[in-house]
Amino acid sequence: MITERSLYRLRILSTLLKEGEMPISNLARRAKLRFVITKREVSALEKMGLVELYDSGRVKVVKINMTNRKVIILRNLIEELEEL
């Protein structure tokens, strides 16, 4: 079932796939989500193994986990949809 939260997660993942790793604040801006929502969903995505977080000084940077099979499938699907 598609929920609002799953749509938030999809926006976050697609933004990271298109634009690469970035701080959570930039990700929130580019995904057009509130910072609090982005932070919560990134935490959930990290627990699922879809993204990785690391500290870069004072900022937490989010990067997509390209070793996860689900991420690879999503990337391929987005690429196919962009070709339509």
Protein backbone atom coordinates (compact mmCIF):
# COMPACT_ATOMS: atom_id res chain seq x y z
CA MET A 1 0.00 0.00 0.00
CA ILE A 2 1.31 3.44 -0.90
CA THR A 3 1.32 5.78 2.07
CA GLU A 4 2.38 9.38 2.52
CA ARG A 5 5.53 8.20 4.28
CA SER A 6 6.45 5.87 1.43
CA LEU A 7 6.05 8.78 -1.00
CA TYR A 8 8.40 10.87 1.18
CA ARG A 9 10.95 8.06 1.10
CA LEU A 10 10.62 7.73 -2.65
CA ARG A 11 11.24 11.48 -3.08
CA ILE A 12 14.33 11.25 -0.89
CA LEU A 13 15.71 8.23 -2.73
CA SER A 14 15.03 9.64 -6.18
CA THR A 15 16.67 12.94 -5.23
CA LEU A 16 19.76 11.13 -3.99
CA LEU A 17 19.88 8.96 -7.10
CA LYS A 18 19.69 11.99 -9.39
CA GLU A 19 21.93 14.41 -7.47
CA GLY A 20 24.26 12.26 -5.36
CA GLU A 21 25.18 12.52 -1.71
CA MET A 22 24.38 15.69 0.22
CA PRO A 23 23.73 17.06 3.71
CA ILE A 24 20.28 16.40 5.16
CA SER A 25 19.36 20.11 5.00
CA ASN A 26 20.14 20.28 1.26
CA LEU A 27 18.29 17.01 0.69
CA ALA A 28 15.20 18.42 2.43
CA ARG A 29 15.32 21.52 0.23
CA ARG A 30 15.82 19.61 -3.03
CA ALA A 31 13.19 16.98 -2.20
CA LYS A 32 10.83 19.80 -1.17
CA LEU A 33 10.21 18.29 2.26
CA ARG A 34 10.42 19.79 5.73
CA PHE A 35 13.73 19.15 7.51
CA VAL A 36 12.07 17.23 10.38
CA ILE A 37 10.31 14.88 7.95
CA THR A 38 13.47 14.38 5.92
CA LYS A 39 15.52 13.59 9.03
CA ARG A 40 12.92 11.07 10.26
CA GLU A 41 12.63 9.33 6.90
CA VAL A 42 16.40 9.26 6.33
CA SER A 43 16.73 7.53 9.69
CA ALA A 44 14.15 4.94 8.62
CA LEU A 45 15.87 4.46 5.26
CA GLU A 46 19.20 3.98 7.04
CA LYS A 47 17.68 1.24 9.23
CA MET A 48 16.45 -0.47 6.05
CA GLY A 49 19.95 -0.30 4.56
CA LEU A 50 18.92 1.92 1.63
CA VAL A 51 21.02 4.95 2.60
CA GLU A 52 24.14 5.59 4.65
CA LEU A 53 24.87 8.54 6.94
CA TYR A 54 28.29 9.89 7.77
CA ASP A 55 29.62 12.95 9.57
CA SER A 56 31.38 15.59 7.54
CA GLY A 57 32.40 18.06 10.19
CA ARG A 58 29.25 19.50 11.75
CA VAL A 59 26.94 18.15 9.06
CA LYS A 60 25.44 14.72 8.50
CA VAL A 61 25.75 13.69 4.87
CA VAL A 62 23.37 11.17 3.30
CA LYS A 63 24.44 8.88 0.51
CA ILE A 64 22.58 6.17 -1.31
CA ASN A 65 23.65 2.56 -0.65
CA MET A 66 24.30 1.27 -4.15
CA THR A 67 25.02 -2.24 -2.86
CA ASN A 68 21.37 -2.69 -1.87
CA ARG A 69 19.39 -4.64 -4.48
CA LYS A 70 16.25 -2.53 -3.95
CA VAL A 71 18.17 0.68 -4.65
CA ILE A 72 19.52 -0.76 -7.91
CA ILE A 73 16.00 -1.78 -8.98
CA LEU A 74 14.68 1.71 -8.14
CA ARG A 75 17.52 3.36 -10.08
CA ASN A 76 16.78 1.21 -13.13
CA LEU A 77 13.06 2.00 -12.89
CA ILE A 78 13.69 5.75 -12.67
CA GLU A 79 16.04 5.58 -15.66
CA GLU A 80 13.42 3.72 -17.69
CA LEU A 81 10.69 6.19 -16.76
CA GLU A 82 12.87 9.14 -17.76
CA GLU A 83 13.27 7.61 -21.24
CA LEU A 84 9.50 7.57 -21.86
